[in-house]
N, C-alpha and C. Protein backbone atom coordinates (compact mmCIF):
# COMPACT_ATOMS: atom_id res chain seq x y z
N UNK A 1 0.51 -1.12 -0.30
CA UNK A 1 -0.18 0.27 -0.15
C UNK A 1 1.12 0.98 -0.14
N UNK A 2 0.57 2.17 -0.68
CA UNK A 2 1.66 3.73 -0.80
C UNK A 2 0.96 4.09 0.24
N UNK A 3 2.04 4.62 1.08
CA UNK A 3 2.59 5.07 2.14
C UNK A 3 2.63 6.76 1.77
N UNK A 4 1.93 7.76 1.77
CA UNK A 4 2.26 9.70 1.29
C UNK A 4 3.44 10.12 2.34
N UNK A 5 4.88 9.82 1.66
CA UNK A 5 5.35 10.95 2.37
C UNK A 5 5.91 11.86 1.88
N UNK A 6 5.40 12.97 2.88
CA UNK A 6 5.82 14.62 2.61
C UNK A 6 6.87 14.62 2.53
N UNK A 7 7.57 15.49 1.69
CA UNK A 7 8.91 16.58 1.91
C UNK A 7 9.17 17.22 2.81
N UNK A 8 10.32 16.84 3.92
CA UNK A 8 10.69 18.03 4.10
C UNK A 8 11.58 18.94 3.12
N UNK A 9 11.90 19.71 4.34
CA UNK A 9 13.29 20.65 3.60
C UNK A 9 15.10 20.92 3.63
N UNK A 10 14.88 21.49 5.04
CA UNK A 10 16.40 21.15 5.72
C UNK A 10 16.77 21.55 6.76
N UNK A 11 17.78 21.07 7.36
CA UNK A 11 18.19 21.74 8.69
C UNK A 11 17.93 23.26 9.27
N UNK A 12 16.80 23.36 10.21
CA UNK A 12 17.07 24.29 10.83
C UNK A 12 16.38 25.51 10.38
N UNK A 13 15.49 25.35 9.21
CA UNK A 13 14.71 26.17 8.39
C UNK A 13 13.83 27.22 9.31
N UNK A 14 13.37 26.07 10.28
CA UNK A 14 12.51 27.19 11.13
C UNK A 14 13.10 27.09 12.55
N UNK A 15 14.11 27.32 12.66
CA UNK A 15 14.74 27.20 13.79
C UNK A 15 14.64 28.36 14.59
N UNK A 16 14.73 29.49 14.43
CA UNK A 16 14.78 31.09 14.59
C UNK A 16 13.12 30.85 15.44
N UNK A 17 12.40 30.30 14.23
CA UNK A 17 10.91 30.74 14.98
C UNK A 17 10.49 29.60 16.35
N UNK A 18 11.12 28.34 16.37
CA UNK A 18 11.35 27.66 17.23
C UNK A 18 11.97 28.81 18.66
N UNK A 19 13.63 29.28 18.42
CA UNK A 19 13.93 29.48 19.68
C UNK A 19 12.83 30.99 20.09
N UNK A 20 11.76 31.97 18.93
CA UNK A 20 11.69 33.04 19.61
C UNK A 20 10.53 32.13 20.18
N UNK A 21 9.62 31.61 19.92
CA UNK A 21 8.18 30.50 20.80
C UNK A 21 8.87 30.11 21.87
N UNK A 22 10.09 29.65 22.01
CA UNK A 22 10.53 29.28 23.44
C UNK A 22 10.92 30.24 24.25
N UNK A 23 11.37 31.71 23.56
CA UNK A 23 11.16 32.36 24.72
C UNK A 23 9.95 33.54 25.40
N UNK A 24 8.96 32.66 24.37
CA UNK A 24 7.50 33.56 24.40
C UNK A 24 7.31 32.49 25.67
N UNK A 25 6.96 31.42 25.32
CA UNK A 25 6.61 30.51 26.67
C UNK A 25 7.34 30.31 28.06
N UNK A 26 8.77 30.85 27.23
CA UNK A 26 9.70 30.93 28.91
C UNK A 26 9.10 32.57 29.54
N UNK A 27 8.46 33.30 29.02
CA UNK A 27 8.30 34.96 29.45
C UNK A 27 6.82 34.46 29.96
N UNK A 28 5.99 33.37 29.65
CA UNK A 28 5.09 33.30 31.01
C UNK A 28 4.91 31.76 31.66
N UNK A 29 6.00 31.56 31.63
CA UNK A 29 6.34 30.19 32.98
C UNK A 29 5.27 29.29 32.53
N UNK A 30 5.33 29.13 30.78
CA UNK A 30 4.58 27.78 30.71
C UNK A 30 5.42 26.75 31.23
N UNK A 31 4.49 25.81 31.67
CA UNK A 31 5.28 24.42 31.88
C UNK A 31 4.00 23.34 31.91
N UNK A 32 5.13 22.15 31.36
CA UNK A 32 3.49 21.00 31.16
C UNK A 32 2.59 21.08 30.10
N UNK A 33 3.09 21.55 28.65
CA UNK A 33 2.62 21.77 28.15
C UNK A 33 2.62 20.82 27.13
N UNK A 34 1.94 20.80 26.10
CA UNK A 34 1.54 19.79 24.72
C UNK A 34 1.78 20.13 23.65
N UNK A 35 3.06 20.26 23.00
CA UNK A 35 3.55 20.98 21.84
C UNK A 35 2.95 19.75 20.04
N UNK A 36 2.56 20.34 19.41
CA UNK A 36 1.89 19.42 18.47
C UNK A 36 2.82 20.15 17.27
N UNK A 37 3.38 18.86 16.42
CA UNK A 37 3.89 19.35 14.75
C UNK A 37 2.99 18.46 14.28
N UNK A 38 2.47 19.16 13.35
CA UNK A 38 1.11 18.56 11.95
C UNK A 38 2.44 18.76 10.51
N UNK A 39 2.14 17.50 10.18
CA UNK A 39 2.60 17.44 8.83
C UNK A 39 4.01 17.65 8.55
N UNK A 40 5.23 17.21 9.35
CA UNK A 40 6.22 17.52 9.51
C UNK A 40 7.45 16.65 7.89
N UNK A 41 6.45 15.44 7.23
CA UNK A 41 6.99 14.87 6.80
C UNK A 41 8.62 14.37 7.16
N UNK A 42 9.13 13.86 5.80
CA UNK A 42 10.43 13.26 6.10
C UNK A 42 11.29 13.44 4.99
N UNK A 43 12.82 12.90 5.32
CA UNK A 43 13.84 13.33 4.61
C UNK A 43 14.77 11.55 4.76
N UNK A 44 15.19 11.29 3.67
CA UNK A 44 15.68 9.53 4.11
C UNK A 44 17.30 10.32 4.45
N UNK A 45 17.30 9.29 5.83
CA UNK A 45 18.98 9.14 6.46
C UNK A 45 20.05 9.81 6.05
N UNK A 46 19.98 9.24 4.79
CA UNK A 46 21.43 9.51 3.50
C UNK A 46 21.48 10.96 3.34
N UNK A 47 20.02 11.22 2.63
CA UNK A 47 20.41 12.71 2.30
C UNK A 47 20.08 13.67 3.80
N UNK A 48 19.67 13.60 4.48
CA UNK A 48 19.97 14.52 5.88
C UNK A 48 20.82 14.58 6.26
N UNK A 49 22.04 13.90 6.24
CA UNK A 49 23.06 14.29 6.78
C UNK A 49 24.00 15.34 5.44
N UNK A 50 23.58 15.37 4.00
CA UNK A 50 23.99 16.45 3.23
C UNK A 50 22.97 17.66 2.80
N UNK A 51 21.90 17.41 3.35
CA UNK A 51 21.29 19.04 3.51
C UNK A 51 22.01 20.11 3.91
N UNK A 52 21.82 21.56 3.34
CA UNK A 52 22.51 22.56 3.75
C UNK A 52 21.50 22.90 4.53
N UNK A 53 22.27 23.79 5.61
CA UNK A 53 21.86 23.93 7.10
C UNK A 53 21.50 26.41 6.82
N UNK A 54 20.32 25.74 7.02
CA UNK A 54 19.69 27.19 6.32
C UNK A 54 20.37 28.20 7.56
N UNK A 55 20.48 27.92 8.94
CA UNK A 55 20.73 28.69 9.36
C UNK A 55 22.74 29.28 9.65
N UNK A 56 23.16 28.15 8.80
CA UNK A 56 24.47 28.65 8.68
C UNK A 56 25.16 29.94 7.78
N UNK A 57 25.57 30.73 8.53
CA UNK A 57 26.24 32.38 7.48
C UNK A 57 27.45 31.07 6.84
N UNK A 58 27.36 32.07 5.85
CA UNK A 58 28.60 31.93 5.08
C UNK A 58 28.78 30.90 4.29
N UNK A 59 27.74 30.31 4.23
CA UNK A 59 28.06 28.37 3.61
C UNK A 59 28.65 28.07 2.48
N UNK A 60 29.51 27.87 1.80
CA UNK A 60 29.96 28.11 0.26
C UNK A 60 28.86 27.76 -0.97
N UNK A 61 29.62 27.96 -2.05
CA UNK A 61 28.66 27.44 -3.18
C UNK A 61 28.74 25.73 -3.13
N UNK A 62 29.95 25.40 -2.66
CA UNK A 62 29.79 23.67 -3.27
C UNK A 62 28.92 22.91 -2.18
N UNK A 63 28.88 24.02 -0.98
CA UNK A 63 27.67 23.17 0.61
C UNK A 63 26.24 22.82 -0.12
N UNK A 64 26.24 24.74 -0.79
CA UNK A 64 24.81 24.50 -0.98
C UNK A 64 24.50 23.97 -2.24
N UNK A 65 25.39 23.68 -3.42
CA UNK A 65 24.75 23.10 -4.35
C UNK A 65 24.60 21.21 -3.54
N UNK A 66 25.64 20.96 -2.63
CA UNK A 66 25.70 19.79 -2.76
C UNK A 66 24.05 19.22 -1.65
N UNK A 67 23.72 20.58 -0.34
CA UNK A 67 22.37 20.11 -0.36
C UNK A 67 21.09 20.22 -1.44
N UNK A 68 21.19 21.27 -2.16
CA UNK A 68 20.05 21.47 -3.13
C UNK A 68 19.96 20.13 -3.92
N UNK A 69 21.05 19.21 -4.23
CA UNK A 69 21.07 18.36 -5.01
C UNK A 69 20.19 17.34 -3.80
N UNK A 70 21.13 16.85 -3.16
CA UNK A 70 20.31 15.83 -1.68
C UNK A 70 18.82 16.49 -1.87
N UNK A 71 18.38 17.21 -1.52
CA UNK A 71 16.83 17.90 -1.53
C UNK A 71 16.43 16.99 -2.89
N UNK A 72 17.05 17.41 -3.97
CA UNK A 72 15.88 16.87 -5.10
C UNK A 72 16.16 15.57 -5.45
N UNK A 73 17.18 15.02 -4.99
CA UNK A 73 17.67 13.53 -4.90
C UNK A 73 16.31 12.29 -3.88
N UNK A 74 16.68 13.69 -2.93
CA UNK A 74 15.53 12.80 -2.16
C UNK A 74 13.75 13.17 -2.22
N UNK A 75 13.86 13.76 -3.29
CA UNK A 75 12.38 13.58 -3.66
C UNK A 75 12.04 12.15 -4.66
N UNK A 76 12.69 11.68 -4.63
CA UNK A 76 12.16 10.50 -5.63
C UNK A 76 12.57 9.18 -4.31
N UNK A 77 13.96 9.47 -3.87
CA UNK A 77 14.48 8.12 -2.93
C UNK A 77 13.52 7.85 -1.64
N UNK A 78 12.96 9.18 -1.30
CA UNK A 78 11.97 8.99 -0.01
C UNK A 78 10.43 7.80 0.10
N UNK A 79 10.43 7.92 -1.05
CA UNK A 79 9.13 7.07 -1.62
C UNK A 79 9.32 5.78 -1.99
N UNK A 80 10.37 5.48 -1.57
CA UNK A 80 10.99 4.10 -1.74
C UNK A 80 10.27 3.02 -0.67
N UNK A 81 10.17 1.94 -0.43
CA UNK A 81 9.34 1.70 0.73
C UNK A 81 10.64 0.95 1.24
N UNK A 82 10.99 1.05 2.70
CA UNK A 82 11.65 0.52 3.30
C UNK A 82 12.97 1.31 3.69
N UNK A 83 13.39 2.36 2.67
CA UNK A 83 13.99 3.30 2.67
C UNK A 83 14.07 4.22 4.35
N UNK A 84 15.34 4.32 5.04
CA UNK A 84 14.72 4.68 6.58
C UNK A 84 14.90 6.10 5.89
N UNK A 85 13.65 6.99 7.38
CA UNK A 85 13.90 8.04 6.98
C UNK A 85 14.24 8.51 8.32
N UNK A 86 14.00 10.25 8.51
CA UNK A 86 14.47 11.08 9.67
C UNK A 86 13.25 12.27 9.34
N UNK A 87 12.60 12.49 10.38
CA UNK A 87 11.66 13.71 10.15
C UNK A 87 12.48 15.12 11.31
N UNK A 88 12.95 16.25 10.40
CA UNK A 88 13.82 17.31 11.52
C UNK A 88 12.97 18.14 11.70
N UNK A 89 11.76 18.16 11.87
CA UNK A 89 11.17 19.76 12.49
C UNK A 89 10.77 18.89 13.66
N UNK A 90 10.42 17.71 14.27
CA UNK A 90 9.96 17.42 15.60
C UNK A 90 11.54 17.71 16.67
N UNK A 91 12.75 16.92 15.59
CA UNK A 91 13.87 16.97 16.85
C UNK A 91 14.14 18.24 17.04
N UNK A 92 14.06 19.09 15.51
CA UNK A 92 14.91 20.50 16.31
C UNK A 92 13.97 21.48 16.91
N UNK A 93 12.48 21.21 17.16
CA UNK A 93 11.04 22.06 18.11
C UNK A 93 11.87 21.55 19.24
N UNK A 94 11.90 20.07 19.56
CA UNK A 94 12.07 19.59 20.48
C UNK A 94 13.20 20.05 21.27
N UNK A 95 14.46 20.32 20.15
CA UNK A 95 16.26 20.53 21.08
C UNK A 95 15.94 21.73 21.18
N UNK A 96 15.01 23.09 20.67
CA UNK A 96 14.81 24.38 20.87
C UNK A 96 14.14 25.10 21.70
N UNK A 97 13.09 24.00 22.74
CA UNK A 97 12.38 24.18 23.47
C UNK A 97 12.71 23.85 25.02
N UNK A 98 12.86 24.66 25.88
CA UNK A 98 13.69 24.59 27.20
C UNK A 98 12.60 24.83 28.24
N UNK A 99 11.09 24.25 28.05
CA UNK A 99 10.21 24.45 28.67
C UNK A 99 9.86 23.27 28.62
N UNK A 100 9.60 22.79 30.04
CA UNK A 100 8.73 21.05 30.06
C UNK A 100 7.66 21.04 29.07
N UNK A 101 8.04 19.93 28.18
CA UNK A 101 6.48 19.71 26.89
C UNK A 101 6.13 18.38 27.34
N UNK A 102 4.77 17.95 26.27
CA UNK A 102 5.36 16.64 25.72
C UNK A 102 4.84 17.37 24.12
N UNK A 103 4.89 15.70 23.37
CA UNK A 103 5.63 16.33 22.29
C UNK A 103 4.24 15.27 21.63
N UNK A 104 3.83 16.00 20.31
CA UNK A 104 2.59 14.92 19.76
C UNK A 104 2.71 15.37 18.21
N UNK A 105 3.18 13.97 17.38
CA UNK A 105 3.16 14.45 16.15
C UNK A 105 1.87 13.95 15.33
N UNK A 106 1.50 14.65 14.13
CA UNK A 106 0.33 14.19 13.31
C UNK A 106 0.63 14.48 12.06
N UNK A 107 0.52 12.70 11.23
CA UNK A 107 1.42 12.85 9.72
C UNK A 107 0.58 12.10 9.28
N UNK A 108 0.08 11.88 7.50
CA UNK A 108 -0.63 11.16 6.89
C UNK A 108 0.34 9.81 6.93
N UNK A 109 1.46 9.60 7.12
CA UNK A 109 2.52 8.66 6.75
C UNK A 109 3.06 7.79 8.15
N UNK A 110 2.45 6.88 7.86
CA UNK A 110 3.42 5.78 8.90
C UNK A 110 4.78 5.61 8.79
N UNK A 111 5.27 5.75 7.47
CA UNK A 111 6.89 5.63 8.12
C UNK A 111 7.56 6.97 8.44
N UNK A 112 6.56 8.17 8.64
CA UNK A 112 7.56 9.87 9.10
C UNK A 112 7.41 9.31 10.62
N UNK A 113 5.97 8.41 10.75
CA UNK A 113 5.68 8.44 12.39
C UNK A 113 6.86 7.38 12.94
N UNK A 114 7.07 6.71 12.23
CA UNK A 114 7.61 5.50 12.86
C UNK A 114 8.94 6.09 12.48
N UNK A 115 9.64 7.21 11.89
CA UNK A 115 10.75 7.79 12.14
C UNK A 115 11.09 8.40 13.21
N UNK A 116 9.65 9.32 13.35
CA UNK A 116 9.91 10.07 14.69
C UNK A 116 9.72 9.48 15.74
N UNK A 117 9.56 8.48 16.07
CA UNK A 117 9.01 7.05 17.32
C UNK A 117 10.41 6.93 17.31
N UNK A 118 11.01 6.60 16.86
CA UNK A 118 12.76 5.97 16.94
C UNK A 118 13.47 7.37 17.54
N UNK A 119 13.55 8.17 16.65
CA UNK A 119 14.22 9.17 17.31
C UNK A 119 13.75 9.81 18.73
N UNK A 120 12.69 9.34 18.93
CA UNK A 120 12.02 10.80 20.33
C UNK A 120 11.20 9.76 20.72
N UNK A 121 11.33 8.41 21.65
CA UNK A 121 10.14 7.79 21.73
C UNK A 121 9.10 8.05 22.37
N UNK A 122 9.22 8.95 23.29
CA UNK A 122 8.22 9.46 24.43
C UNK A 122 7.45 10.32 23.35
N UNK A 123 7.15 10.23 22.08
CA UNK A 123 5.87 11.57 21.51
C UNK A 123 5.22 10.65 21.02
N UNK A 124 4.07 10.89 21.24
CA UNK A 124 2.27 10.82 20.47
C UNK A 124 2.35 10.99 19.11
N UNK A 125 1.71 9.67 18.43
CA UNK A 125 1.83 9.97 17.55
C UNK A 125 0.15 9.46 16.85
N UNK A 126 -0.55 10.29 15.99
CA UNK A 126 -1.45 10.20 15.13
C UNK A 126 -1.01 10.32 13.80
N UNK A 127 -1.73 9.37 12.93
CA UNK A 127 -1.78 8.87 11.47
C UNK A 127 -3.16 9.48 10.89
N UNK A 128 -2.86 10.82 10.70
CA UNK A 128 -4.33 11.55 10.57
C UNK A 128 -4.10 12.55 8.81
N UNK A 129 -4.70 12.19 8.17
CA UNK A 129 -4.44 13.06 6.54
C UNK A 129 -5.00 14.35 6.82
N UNK A 130 -5.04 15.65 7.31
CA UNK A 130 -6.10 16.71 8.09
C UNK A 130 -6.35 17.06 6.46
N UNK A 131 -6.64 16.44 5.65
CA UNK A 131 -7.65 17.27 4.36
C UNK A 131 -8.97 16.32 4.25
N UNK A 132 -9.42 15.66 5.22
CA UNK A 132 -10.27 14.55 5.90
C UNK A 132 -10.66 14.19 6.91
N UNK A 133 -9.35 14.65 7.57
CA UNK A 133 -9.63 13.47 9.27
C UNK A 133 -9.56 14.70 10.05
N UNK A 134 -10.07 14.84 11.33
CA UNK A 134 -9.65 15.34 12.07
C UNK A 134 -8.42 15.08 13.35
N UNK A 135 -7.95 15.70 13.82
CA UNK A 135 -7.00 15.32 14.42
C UNK A 135 -7.44 15.10 15.94
N UNK A 136 -7.47 13.93 15.94
CA UNK A 136 -7.47 13.53 17.67
C UNK A 136 -7.21 14.12 18.93
N UNK A 137 -6.48 15.14 19.31
CA UNK A 137 -5.92 15.24 20.21
C UNK A 137 -6.23 17.15 19.98
N UNK A 138 -6.09 18.25 21.06
CA UNK A 138 -5.80 19.75 21.23
C UNK A 138 -4.10 19.58 21.59
N UNK A 139 -3.75 20.96 21.69
CA UNK A 139 -2.36 21.41 22.25
C UNK A 139 -2.22 22.76 22.55
N UNK A 140 -1.55 22.97 23.37
CA UNK A 140 -1.16 24.53 23.53
C UNK A 140 -0.21 25.08 22.22
N UNK A 141 0.29 24.22 22.07
CA UNK A 141 1.35 25.03 20.70
C UNK A 141 0.69 23.44 19.69
N UNK A 142 0.39 24.08 17.95
CA UNK A 142 0.54 23.50 17.19
C UNK A 142 1.61 24.25 15.66
N UNK A 143 1.89 23.87 15.21
CA UNK A 143 3.13 23.90 14.47
C UNK A 143 2.77 23.46 13.13
N UNK A 144 2.68 23.82 12.26
CA UNK A 144 1.83 23.62 11.02
C UNK A 144 2.38 24.18 9.30
N UNK A 145 4.09 24.30 9.13
CA UNK A 145 4.44 24.94 8.62
C UNK A 145 4.65 23.76 7.20
N UNK A 146 3.91 24.58 6.00
CA UNK A 146 4.07 24.06 4.67
C UNK A 146 3.40 22.81 4.48
N UNK A 147 2.06 22.98 5.33
CA UNK A 147 1.30 21.63 4.95
C UNK A 147 0.07 21.81 4.68
N UNK A 148 -0.32 22.88 4.98
CA UNK A 148 -2.17 23.99 4.69
C UNK A 148 -1.47 23.81 2.89
N UNK A 149 -0.99 24.51 3.31
CA UNK A 149 -1.02 25.52 1.27
C UNK A 149 -0.39 23.97 0.41
N UNK A 150 -0.13 23.28 0.78
CA UNK A 150 0.23 22.04 -0.56
C UNK A 150 -1.10 21.26 -0.43
N UNK A 151 -2.41 21.05 -0.03
CA UNK A 151 -3.82 20.72 0.40
C UNK A 151 -4.73 20.92 -0.94
N UNK A 152 -4.11 22.21 -1.21
CA UNK A 152 -4.87 22.66 -2.73
C UNK A 152 -6.42 22.40 -2.45
N UNK A 153 -7.05 22.30 -3.10
CA UNK A 153 -8.78 22.51 -2.91
C UNK A 153 -9.11 22.30 -1.69
N UNK A 154 -8.25 20.69 -1.18
CA UNK A 154 -8.49 20.66 0.33
C UNK A 154 -8.09 21.54 1.75
N UNK A 155 -7.35 22.30 1.20
CA UNK A 155 -6.63 23.45 2.24
C UNK A 155 -7.78 24.00 2.83
N UNK A 156 -8.69 25.09 2.83
CA UNK A 156 -9.48 25.44 3.31
C UNK A 156 -9.65 24.22 5.00
N UNK A 157 -10.07 22.97 4.30
CA UNK A 157 -10.57 21.69 5.01
C UNK A 157 -9.39 21.67 6.21
N UNK A 158 -8.14 21.67 5.84
CA UNK A 158 -7.07 21.51 5.97
C UNK A 158 -6.66 22.07 7.62
N UNK A 159 -7.04 23.72 6.81
CA UNK A 159 -6.71 25.06 7.74
C UNK A 159 -7.81 24.75 9.22
N UNK A 160 -8.53 24.53 8.70
CA UNK A 160 -10.00 24.58 9.74
C UNK A 160 -9.65 23.24 11.01
N UNK A 161 -9.38 21.87 10.56
CA UNK A 161 -8.22 21.00 11.50
C UNK A 161 -7.27 21.57 12.58
N UNK A 162 -6.54 22.52 12.12
CA UNK A 162 -4.87 23.09 12.38
C UNK A 162 -5.84 23.72 13.27
N UNK A 163 -6.73 24.71 13.29
CA UNK A 163 -7.22 25.76 13.55
C UNK A 163 -7.70 24.70 15.09
N UNK A 164 -8.66 24.04 14.67
CA UNK A 164 -9.80 23.47 15.95
C UNK A 164 -8.44 22.61 16.67
N UNK A 165 -7.37 22.55 16.40
CA UNK A 165 -5.98 21.53 17.31
C UNK A 165 -5.56 22.75 18.11
N UNK A 166 -5.88 24.11 18.40
CA UNK A 166 -5.17 25.30 19.06
C UNK A 166 -5.96 25.50 20.13
N UNK A 167 -5.11 24.95 21.39
CA UNK A 167 -6.01 25.88 22.58
C UNK A 167 -6.52 26.88 22.87
N UNK A 168 -7.62 27.34 23.14
CA UNK A 168 -7.89 28.91 23.48
C UNK A 168 -6.46 29.23 24.39
N UNK A 169 -6.07 30.77 23.96
CA UNK A 169 -5.17 30.89 24.53
C UNK A 169 -3.09 30.39 23.83
N UNK A 170 -3.41 29.45 23.28
CA UNK A 170 -2.98 28.94 22.52
C UNK A 170 -1.78 29.07 21.01
N UNK A 171 -0.89 28.95 20.91
CA UNK A 171 -0.13 29.69 19.71
C UNK A 171 0.09 28.53 18.76
N UNK A 172 -0.43 29.49 17.43
CA UNK A 172 0.15 28.74 15.91
C UNK A 172 1.12 29.38 15.34
N UNK A 173 2.60 28.48 14.78
CA UNK A 173 3.02 28.12 14.14
C UNK A 173 3.08 28.13 12.74
N UNK A 174 2.78 28.76 11.80
CA UNK A 174 2.64 28.62 10.64
C UNK A 174 3.24 29.04 9.58
N UNK A 175 3.45 28.71 8.08
CA UNK A 175 3.96 28.91 7.33
C UNK A 175 2.85 30.84 6.24
N UNK A 176 3.50 31.66 5.95
CA UNK A 176 3.26 33.05 5.37
C UNK A 176 1.96 32.61 4.52
N UNK A 177 2.30 31.59 3.73
CA UNK A 177 1.64 31.55 2.27
C UNK A 177 0.09 30.94 2.90
N UNK A 178 -0.12 29.86 3.48
CA UNK A 178 -0.87 29.18 4.53
C UNK A 178 -1.86 30.22 5.05
N UNK A 179 -1.36 30.94 5.82
CA UNK A 179 -1.71 32.70 6.66
C UNK A 179 -2.70 33.53 6.16
N UNK A 180 -1.49 34.02 5.10
CA UNK A 180 -2.37 34.56 4.22
C UNK A 180 -3.32 34.10 3.25
N UNK A 181 -3.54 33.10 3.20
CA UNK A 181 -4.72 32.61 2.20
C UNK A 181 -6.29 32.17 3.04
N UNK A 182 -5.77 31.67 4.37
CA UNK A 182 -6.54 31.05 5.04
C UNK A 182 -6.58 31.14 6.63
N UNK A 183 -5.91 32.37 7.14
CA UNK A 183 -5.94 32.43 8.87
C UNK A 183 -6.85 33.65 9.06
N UNK A 184 -7.27 34.24 7.63
CA UNK A 184 -8.06 35.57 7.86
C UNK A 184 -9.69 35.14 8.50
N UNK A 185 -9.87 34.14 7.97
CA UNK A 185 -11.61 33.47 8.25
C UNK A 185 -11.39 33.44 9.73
N UNK A 186 -10.48 33.21 10.66
CA UNK A 186 -9.89 33.33 11.92
C UNK A 186 -9.80 34.01 12.57
N UNK A 187 -10.92 35.20 12.80
CA UNK A 187 -9.75 36.71 14.05
C UNK A 187 -9.70 35.89 15.41
N UNK A 188 -10.12 34.97 15.34
CA UNK A 188 -9.55 34.76 16.80
C UNK A 188 -8.04 35.15 17.02
N UNK A 189 -7.50 34.38 15.78
CA UNK A 189 -5.76 34.36 15.67
C UNK A 189 -5.66 35.93 15.35
N UNK A 190 -4.76 35.95 16.50
CA UNK A 190 -3.98 37.23 16.13
C UNK A 190 -2.02 37.01 16.02
N UNK A 191 -1.23 37.90 15.15
CA UNK A 191 -0.10 37.88 14.39
C UNK A 191 0.60 38.45 15.69
N UNK A 192 1.41 37.94 16.67
CA UNK A 192 2.61 38.64 17.41
C UNK A 192 3.95 38.58 17.17
N UNK A 193 4.46 37.65 15.76
CA UNK A 193 5.53 37.83 15.52
C UNK A 193 5.53 36.89 14.16
N UNK A 194 6.40 36.74 13.58
CA UNK A 194 6.82 36.03 12.23
C UNK A 194 6.05 35.07 12.09
N UNK A 195 5.25 34.20 11.59
CA UNK A 195 4.82 33.17 11.38
C UNK A 195 3.82 32.72 12.72
N UNK A 196 3.91 33.22 13.61
CA UNK A 196 3.69 33.42 15.01
C UNK A 196 2.57 33.83 15.45
N UNK A 197 1.49 33.04 16.04
CA UNK A 197 -0.32 33.72 16.16
C UNK A 197 -0.50 33.09 17.45
N UNK A 198 -1.09 34.06 18.04
CA UNK A 198 -2.22 33.69 19.10
C UNK A 198 -3.62 33.21 18.99
N UNK A 199 -3.63 32.24 19.90
CA UNK A 199 -5.47 32.57 19.88
C UNK A 199 -6.01 32.87 20.74
N UNK A 200 -6.99 33.88 20.74
CA UNK A 200 -7.66 34.82 21.94
C UNK A 200 -8.50 33.54 22.43
N UNK A 201 -8.87 34.11 23.98
CA UNK A 201 -9.29 32.98 24.52
C UNK A 201 -11.21 33.37 24.66
N UNK A 202 -11.64 32.48 24.72
CA UNK A 202 -13.43 32.95 24.31
C UNK A 202 -13.64 34.19 24.78
N UNK A 203 -14.43 35.06 24.08
CA UNK A 203 -14.94 35.59 25.59
C UNK A 203 -15.82 35.28 26.61
C-alpha cells in the first residue's frame, strides 16, 4: 500500500521561529504543555546528512549545491518503501524548547511517524490526513509549516482542522502562504511575531 511521505526541507529552516516560541513560553512561565507538529514530513537518512543548513552563515557555493542536490534526489528516494527516514522538524523543535512539554506529531505517513518514534520515543503519534480527518488531540502549541498550502482544493478543510487543534490562548506557528490564504477566516488568531499567532480566549 502506498504511504504518502511528504517532503521536508533542510536543517534548521524554522529554528529562529522555534527559538522565539521558546522565549514566549518562558516569559509566561509555561510548563507541562502539549506541543504538536502537524505534517512534518520526512527525508531519507542519507540525504539528511547532506542537506544544507539554512541557519549557517557563509555556506560555500559547493556546500549549497550539495544540499540542493540532496533535496532534489530525496524527492525520489524517500518514496521507496523501506528506505530509512528522519523527520527534522520534531527533532529541531524539541531541541529548541527548554520548557517542559509533551510532544505530539500528526502526519498521514506511517513511515514518518515510525521515524519520529525511533528518534523521539516518548512522542505521541497520530496517523491523520487533515484534508479529511480531524486531529484527535488539542495542544497549547501547534506547528503546521508548509502543510495546509500543499492541500490544494482541500486547503480550507485542512486549515479548519489545524485551527481546531489549537487550545484557547494557545499558539499557532504557520507559514506565511497558508496564513495569508486561509487564517483570515479565523479572527481569533492574532499575529504576534513572524509566522507566530496567538489564539485569543473565547469571550
